[in-house]
């Protein structure tokens, strides 16, 4: 599968989710990077409560601004809210030569499980 660069690893501060066009969000954890579609599994709406802001007030979880659902950063599982038990859609990624890379089409096509995701 061909990959494209998303960002330098150094652009991802530890434990902070960053938004990327089109419709992707990445978070750097202690030993890995996780990339998810920026779409809540409940309604498919973007998660940001302000452009590029995805973290809960305590900084521990990803949060959906529409209804306050909170997601565990390590696996995208919803811990509280109307979609509890559902998960964010994970995007494969790799870190090579200090650059986070995702599949060429990541975020470009409407996802079947997240109909509100922009194309």
N, C-alpha and C. Protein backbone atom coordinates (compact mmCIF):
# COMPACT_ATOMS: atom_id res chain seq x y z
N UNK A 1 0.85 -1.17 0.00
CA UNK A 1 0.00 0.00 0.00
C UNK A 1 0.90 1.24 0.00
N UNK A 2 0.70 2.16 -0.95
CA UNK A 2 1.52 3.38 -0.97
C UNK A 2 1.12 4.33 0.15
N UNK A 3 2.12 4.95 0.76
CA UNK A 3 1.91 5.89 1.86
C UNK A 3 2.35 7.28 1.45
N UNK A 4 1.76 8.29 2.11
CA UNK A 4 2.15 9.69 1.91
C UNK A 4 2.54 10.29 3.26
N UNK A 5 3.39 11.32 3.25
CA UNK A 5 3.77 11.95 4.50
C UNK A 5 2.59 12.71 5.12
N UNK A 6 2.44 12.62 6.43
CA UNK A 6 1.44 13.39 7.16
C UNK A 6 2.12 14.58 7.84
N UNK A 7 3.20 14.28 8.59
CA UNK A 7 3.93 15.34 9.27
C UNK A 7 5.22 14.77 9.85
N UNK A 8 6.18 15.64 10.17
CA UNK A 8 7.35 15.16 10.91
C UNK A 8 6.91 14.72 12.31
N UNK A 9 7.50 13.68 12.82
CA UNK A 9 7.17 13.20 14.16
C UNK A 9 7.35 14.31 15.19
N UNK A 10 8.32 15.17 14.99
CA UNK A 10 8.58 16.26 15.94
C UNK A 10 7.46 17.29 15.99
N UNK A 11 6.55 17.28 15.01
CA UNK A 11 5.40 18.20 15.02
C UNK A 11 4.26 17.70 15.90
N UNK A 12 4.38 16.48 16.42
CA UNK A 12 3.35 15.91 17.28
C UNK A 12 3.82 15.93 18.73
N UNK A 13 3.38 16.89 19.52
CA UNK A 13 3.75 16.89 20.94
C UNK A 13 3.16 15.66 21.63
N UNK A 14 3.85 15.13 22.57
CA UNK A 14 3.41 13.95 23.31
C UNK A 14 2.05 14.20 23.97
N UNK A 15 1.07 13.33 23.68
CA UNK A 15 -0.24 13.37 24.33
C UNK A 15 -1.20 14.43 23.84
N UNK A 16 -0.90 15.09 22.73
CA UNK A 16 -1.78 16.14 22.20
C UNK A 16 -2.26 15.73 20.81
N UNK A 17 -3.56 15.75 20.59
CA UNK A 17 -4.11 15.40 19.28
C UNK A 17 -4.04 16.62 18.37
N UNK A 18 -3.60 16.37 17.13
CA UNK A 18 -3.47 17.42 16.13
C UNK A 18 -4.32 17.03 14.91
N UNK A 19 -5.03 17.99 14.36
CA UNK A 19 -5.85 17.73 13.18
C UNK A 19 -5.09 17.99 11.90
N UNK A 20 -5.37 17.18 10.89
CA UNK A 20 -4.75 17.31 9.58
C UNK A 20 -5.82 17.19 8.51
N UNK A 21 -5.69 17.97 7.46
CA UNK A 21 -6.60 17.85 6.32
C UNK A 21 -6.12 16.68 5.49
N UNK A 22 -6.99 15.94 4.88
CA UNK A 22 -8.43 16.02 4.99
C UNK A 22 -8.98 15.05 6.04
N UNK A 23 -9.56 15.56 7.09
CA UNK A 23 -10.30 14.76 8.05
C UNK A 23 -9.54 13.74 8.87
N UNK A 24 -8.26 14.02 9.18
CA UNK A 24 -7.48 13.09 10.00
C UNK A 24 -7.06 13.76 11.29
N UNK A 25 -6.84 12.95 12.30
CA UNK A 25 -6.36 13.42 13.58
C UNK A 25 -5.30 12.45 14.06
N UNK A 26 -4.18 12.97 14.53
CA UNK A 26 -3.08 12.12 15.01
C UNK A 26 -2.74 12.50 16.44
N UNK A 27 -2.33 11.51 17.22
CA UNK A 27 -1.88 11.74 18.58
C UNK A 27 -0.65 10.88 18.83
N UNK A 28 0.35 11.48 19.42
CA UNK A 28 1.58 10.75 19.76
C UNK A 28 1.49 10.31 21.21
N UNK A 29 1.61 9.02 21.42
CA UNK A 29 1.61 8.45 22.76
C UNK A 29 3.04 8.10 23.11
N UNK A 30 3.27 7.54 24.27
CA UNK A 30 4.63 7.27 24.74
C UNK A 30 5.48 6.51 23.72
N UNK A 31 4.91 5.49 23.10
CA UNK A 31 5.72 4.64 22.22
C UNK A 31 5.14 4.45 20.82
N UNK A 32 4.12 5.25 20.46
CA UNK A 32 3.52 5.08 19.14
C UNK A 32 2.74 6.33 18.73
N UNK A 33 2.33 6.33 17.48
CA UNK A 33 1.46 7.37 16.96
C UNK A 33 0.17 6.70 16.52
N UNK A 34 -0.96 7.29 16.88
CA UNK A 34 -2.26 6.79 16.46
C UNK A 34 -2.89 7.84 15.57
N UNK A 35 -3.48 7.39 14.45
CA UNK A 35 -4.18 8.29 13.53
C UNK A 35 -5.61 7.77 13.40
N UNK A 36 -6.57 8.68 13.51
CA UNK A 36 -7.99 8.35 13.40
C UNK A 36 -8.66 9.30 12.42
N UNK A 37 -9.77 8.85 11.83
CA UNK A 37 -10.60 9.77 11.07
C UNK A 37 -11.21 10.75 12.07
N UNK A 38 -11.35 11.98 11.68
CA UNK A 38 -11.95 13.00 12.53
C UNK A 38 -13.46 12.94 12.36
N UNK A 39 -14.05 11.85 12.85
CA UNK A 39 -15.50 11.64 12.73
C UNK A 39 -15.99 10.81 13.92
N UNK A 40 -16.96 11.33 14.62
CA UNK A 40 -17.54 10.61 15.75
C UNK A 40 -18.33 9.41 15.23
N UNK A 41 -18.19 8.23 15.84
CA UNK A 41 -18.95 7.07 15.36
C UNK A 41 -20.45 7.20 15.60
N UNK A 42 -20.89 8.13 16.43
CA UNK A 42 -22.31 8.30 16.72
C UNK A 42 -23.04 8.99 15.56
N UNK A 43 -22.52 10.15 15.13
CA UNK A 43 -23.19 10.91 14.07
C UNK A 43 -22.31 11.19 12.86
N UNK A 44 -21.03 10.87 12.95
CA UNK A 44 -20.12 11.13 11.85
C UNK A 44 -19.63 12.58 11.78
N UNK A 45 -19.96 13.37 12.81
CA UNK A 45 -19.54 14.78 12.82
C UNK A 45 -18.08 14.90 13.25
N UNK A 46 -17.39 15.97 12.83
CA UNK A 46 -16.01 16.19 13.29
C UNK A 46 -15.98 16.33 14.81
N UNK A 47 -14.88 15.93 15.42
CA UNK A 47 -14.75 15.96 16.87
C UNK A 47 -14.36 17.32 17.43
N UNK A 48 -13.64 18.14 16.68
CA UNK A 48 -13.06 19.38 17.21
C UNK A 48 -14.09 20.27 17.90
N UNK A 49 -13.74 20.76 19.09
CA UNK A 49 -14.58 21.76 19.75
C UNK A 49 -14.15 23.16 19.35
N UNK A 50 -12.94 23.32 18.90
CA UNK A 50 -12.40 24.49 18.20
C UNK A 50 -11.54 23.90 17.10
N UNK A 51 -11.25 24.62 16.03
CA UNK A 51 -10.42 24.03 14.98
C UNK A 51 -9.13 23.43 15.54
N UNK A 52 -8.97 22.11 15.32
CA UNK A 52 -7.78 21.42 15.76
C UNK A 52 -7.72 21.09 17.24
N UNK A 53 -8.80 21.30 18.00
CA UNK A 53 -8.82 21.02 19.44
C UNK A 53 -9.69 19.79 19.69
N UNK A 54 -9.07 18.73 20.23
CA UNK A 54 -9.75 17.44 20.38
C UNK A 54 -9.70 16.85 21.78
N UNK A 55 -8.93 17.45 22.71
CA UNK A 55 -8.70 16.82 24.00
C UNK A 55 -9.75 17.26 25.03
N UNK A 56 -10.03 16.35 25.97
CA UNK A 56 -10.94 16.66 27.08
C UNK A 56 -10.27 17.71 27.98
N UNK A 57 -11.05 18.30 28.87
CA UNK A 57 -10.54 19.35 29.76
C UNK A 57 -9.35 18.88 30.59
N UNK A 58 -9.35 17.60 30.99
CA UNK A 58 -8.23 17.08 31.79
C UNK A 58 -7.07 16.61 30.92
N UNK A 59 -7.23 16.66 29.58
CA UNK A 59 -6.15 16.29 28.66
C UNK A 59 -5.90 14.81 28.52
N UNK A 60 -6.78 13.97 29.05
CA UNK A 60 -6.54 12.52 29.02
C UNK A 60 -7.21 11.81 27.86
N UNK A 61 -8.33 12.34 27.38
CA UNK A 61 -9.09 11.65 26.33
C UNK A 61 -9.39 12.58 25.16
N UNK A 62 -9.71 11.98 24.03
CA UNK A 62 -10.20 12.71 22.88
C UNK A 62 -11.69 12.94 23.12
N UNK A 63 -12.21 14.06 22.71
CA UNK A 63 -13.62 14.37 23.01
C UNK A 63 -14.34 14.85 21.75
N UNK A 64 -15.63 14.51 21.66
CA UNK A 64 -16.48 14.99 20.58
C UNK A 64 -17.22 16.22 21.08
N UNK A 65 -17.04 17.33 20.38
CA UNK A 65 -17.66 18.59 20.79
C UNK A 65 -19.18 18.56 20.70
N UNK A 66 -19.74 17.74 19.82
CA UNK A 66 -21.18 17.73 19.61
C UNK A 66 -21.95 17.22 20.83
N UNK A 67 -21.47 16.13 21.44
CA UNK A 67 -22.23 15.57 22.56
C UNK A 67 -21.34 15.09 23.70
N UNK A 68 -20.07 15.46 23.70
CA UNK A 68 -19.19 15.19 24.83
C UNK A 68 -18.68 13.77 24.96
N UNK A 69 -18.87 12.94 23.96
CA UNK A 69 -18.35 11.58 24.04
C UNK A 69 -16.83 11.65 24.20
N UNK A 70 -16.27 10.77 25.04
CA UNK A 70 -14.83 10.73 25.26
C UNK A 70 -14.26 9.40 24.78
N UNK A 71 -13.10 9.49 24.11
CA UNK A 71 -12.46 8.34 23.49
C UNK A 71 -11.05 8.16 24.04
N UNK A 72 -10.69 6.92 24.33
CA UNK A 72 -9.34 6.59 24.79
C UNK A 72 -8.37 6.76 23.62
N UNK A 73 -7.31 7.56 23.79
CA UNK A 73 -6.38 7.81 22.68
C UNK A 73 -5.67 6.56 22.16
N UNK A 74 -5.40 5.60 23.01
CA UNK A 74 -4.61 4.44 22.61
C UNK A 74 -5.31 3.49 21.66
N UNK A 75 -6.67 3.47 21.68
CA UNK A 75 -7.40 2.56 20.80
C UNK A 75 -8.68 3.15 20.21
N UNK A 76 -9.03 4.38 20.58
CA UNK A 76 -10.20 5.05 20.03
C UNK A 76 -11.53 4.59 20.59
N UNK A 77 -11.53 3.75 21.62
CA UNK A 77 -12.78 3.24 22.20
C UNK A 77 -13.48 4.36 22.97
N UNK A 78 -14.81 4.48 22.76
CA UNK A 78 -15.61 5.47 23.46
C UNK A 78 -15.84 5.01 24.90
N UNK A 79 -15.44 5.84 25.85
CA UNK A 79 -15.56 5.51 27.26
C UNK A 79 -16.84 6.04 27.88
N UNK A 80 -17.35 7.16 27.34
CA UNK A 80 -18.61 7.73 27.84
C UNK A 80 -19.25 8.56 26.74
N UNK A 81 -20.57 8.58 26.78
CA UNK A 81 -21.33 9.31 25.76
C UNK A 81 -22.25 8.37 25.01
N UNK A 82 -23.01 8.88 24.04
CA UNK A 82 -24.02 8.09 23.35
C UNK A 82 -23.46 6.95 22.50
N UNK A 83 -22.19 6.97 22.21
CA UNK A 83 -21.61 5.89 21.39
C UNK A 83 -20.68 5.01 22.23
N UNK A 84 -20.92 4.97 23.53
CA UNK A 84 -20.09 4.17 24.45
C UNK A 84 -19.92 2.76 23.93
N UNK A 85 -18.65 2.31 23.88
CA UNK A 85 -18.32 0.98 23.39
C UNK A 85 -17.96 0.96 21.91
N UNK A 86 -18.41 1.95 21.14
CA UNK A 86 -18.00 2.07 19.74
C UNK A 86 -16.58 2.62 19.70
N UNK A 87 -15.99 2.66 18.53
CA UNK A 87 -14.62 3.16 18.40
C UNK A 87 -14.49 4.13 17.24
N UNK A 88 -13.53 5.03 17.36
CA UNK A 88 -13.14 5.87 16.24
C UNK A 88 -12.54 4.97 15.16
N UNK A 89 -12.58 5.43 13.92
CA UNK A 89 -12.00 4.66 12.83
C UNK A 89 -10.50 4.93 12.77
N UNK A 90 -9.74 3.88 12.99
CA UNK A 90 -8.28 4.01 13.00
C UNK A 90 -7.74 3.97 11.57
N UNK A 91 -6.74 4.79 11.32
CA UNK A 91 -6.07 4.86 10.03
C UNK A 91 -4.68 4.26 10.20
N UNK A 92 -4.29 3.32 9.34
CA UNK A 92 -2.94 2.77 9.45
C UNK A 92 -1.91 3.88 9.30
N UNK A 93 -0.82 3.77 10.02
CA UNK A 93 0.25 4.75 9.87
C UNK A 93 1.58 4.06 10.16
N UNK A 94 2.64 4.72 9.73
CA UNK A 94 3.99 4.26 10.02
C UNK A 94 4.86 5.48 10.23
N UNK A 95 5.93 5.29 11.00
CA UNK A 95 6.92 6.35 11.17
C UNK A 95 8.19 5.85 10.51
N UNK A 96 8.62 6.60 9.49
CA UNK A 96 9.83 6.22 8.77
C UNK A 96 10.69 7.47 8.58
N UNK A 97 11.95 7.36 8.93
CA UNK A 97 12.89 8.48 8.81
C UNK A 97 12.37 9.73 9.50
N UNK A 98 11.70 9.55 10.66
CA UNK A 98 11.22 10.69 11.44
C UNK A 98 9.98 11.35 10.90
N UNK A 99 9.29 10.70 9.93
CA UNK A 99 8.08 11.26 9.33
C UNK A 99 6.92 10.29 9.52
N UNK A 100 5.78 10.81 10.00
CA UNK A 100 4.56 10.01 10.12
C UNK A 100 3.93 9.92 8.74
N UNK A 101 3.61 8.70 8.32
CA UNK A 101 3.04 8.46 6.99
C UNK A 101 1.72 7.70 7.12
N UNK A 102 0.79 8.03 6.22
CA UNK A 102 -0.51 7.38 6.17
C UNK A 102 -0.77 6.92 4.73
N UNK A 103 -1.71 6.00 4.50
CA UNK A 103 -2.03 5.59 3.14
C UNK A 103 -2.41 6.79 2.27
N UNK A 104 -2.10 6.70 1.00
CA UNK A 104 -2.36 7.79 0.06
C UNK A 104 -3.79 8.31 0.13
N UNK A 105 -4.76 7.42 0.28
CA UNK A 105 -6.17 7.83 0.24
C UNK A 105 -6.76 8.11 1.63
N UNK A 106 -5.97 8.04 2.68
CA UNK A 106 -6.49 8.23 4.05
C UNK A 106 -7.20 9.57 4.19
N UNK A 107 -8.45 9.52 4.61
CA UNK A 107 -9.23 10.72 4.81
C UNK A 107 -9.86 11.29 3.55
N UNK A 108 -9.52 10.76 2.39
CA UNK A 108 -10.01 11.32 1.13
C UNK A 108 -11.36 10.75 0.71
N UNK A 109 -11.66 9.53 1.14
CA UNK A 109 -12.90 8.89 0.72
C UNK A 109 -13.86 8.84 1.90
N UNK A 110 -15.14 9.01 1.59
CA UNK A 110 -16.16 8.94 2.62
C UNK A 110 -16.15 7.53 3.23
N UNK A 111 -16.09 7.47 4.54
CA UNK A 111 -16.02 6.20 5.24
C UNK A 111 -17.44 5.67 5.47
N UNK A 112 -17.67 4.40 5.16
CA UNK A 112 -19.01 3.81 5.29
C UNK A 112 -19.55 3.87 6.70
N UNK A 113 -18.68 3.70 7.72
CA UNK A 113 -19.16 3.72 9.09
C UNK A 113 -19.29 5.12 9.65
N UNK A 114 -18.76 6.13 8.97
CA UNK A 114 -18.83 7.51 9.43
C UNK A 114 -19.36 8.38 8.29
N UNK A 115 -20.66 8.31 8.03
CA UNK A 115 -21.23 9.00 6.87
C UNK A 115 -21.05 10.51 6.88
N UNK A 116 -20.82 11.12 8.02
CA UNK A 116 -20.65 12.55 8.08
C UNK A 116 -19.24 13.00 7.73
N UNK A 117 -18.33 12.06 7.55
CA UNK A 117 -16.94 12.40 7.23
C UNK A 117 -16.86 13.09 5.89
N UNK A 118 -16.18 14.22 5.86
CA UNK A 118 -16.03 14.95 4.60
C UNK A 118 -15.14 14.18 3.65
N UNK A 119 -15.39 14.33 2.34
CA UNK A 119 -14.55 13.70 1.33
C UNK A 119 -13.39 14.58 0.99
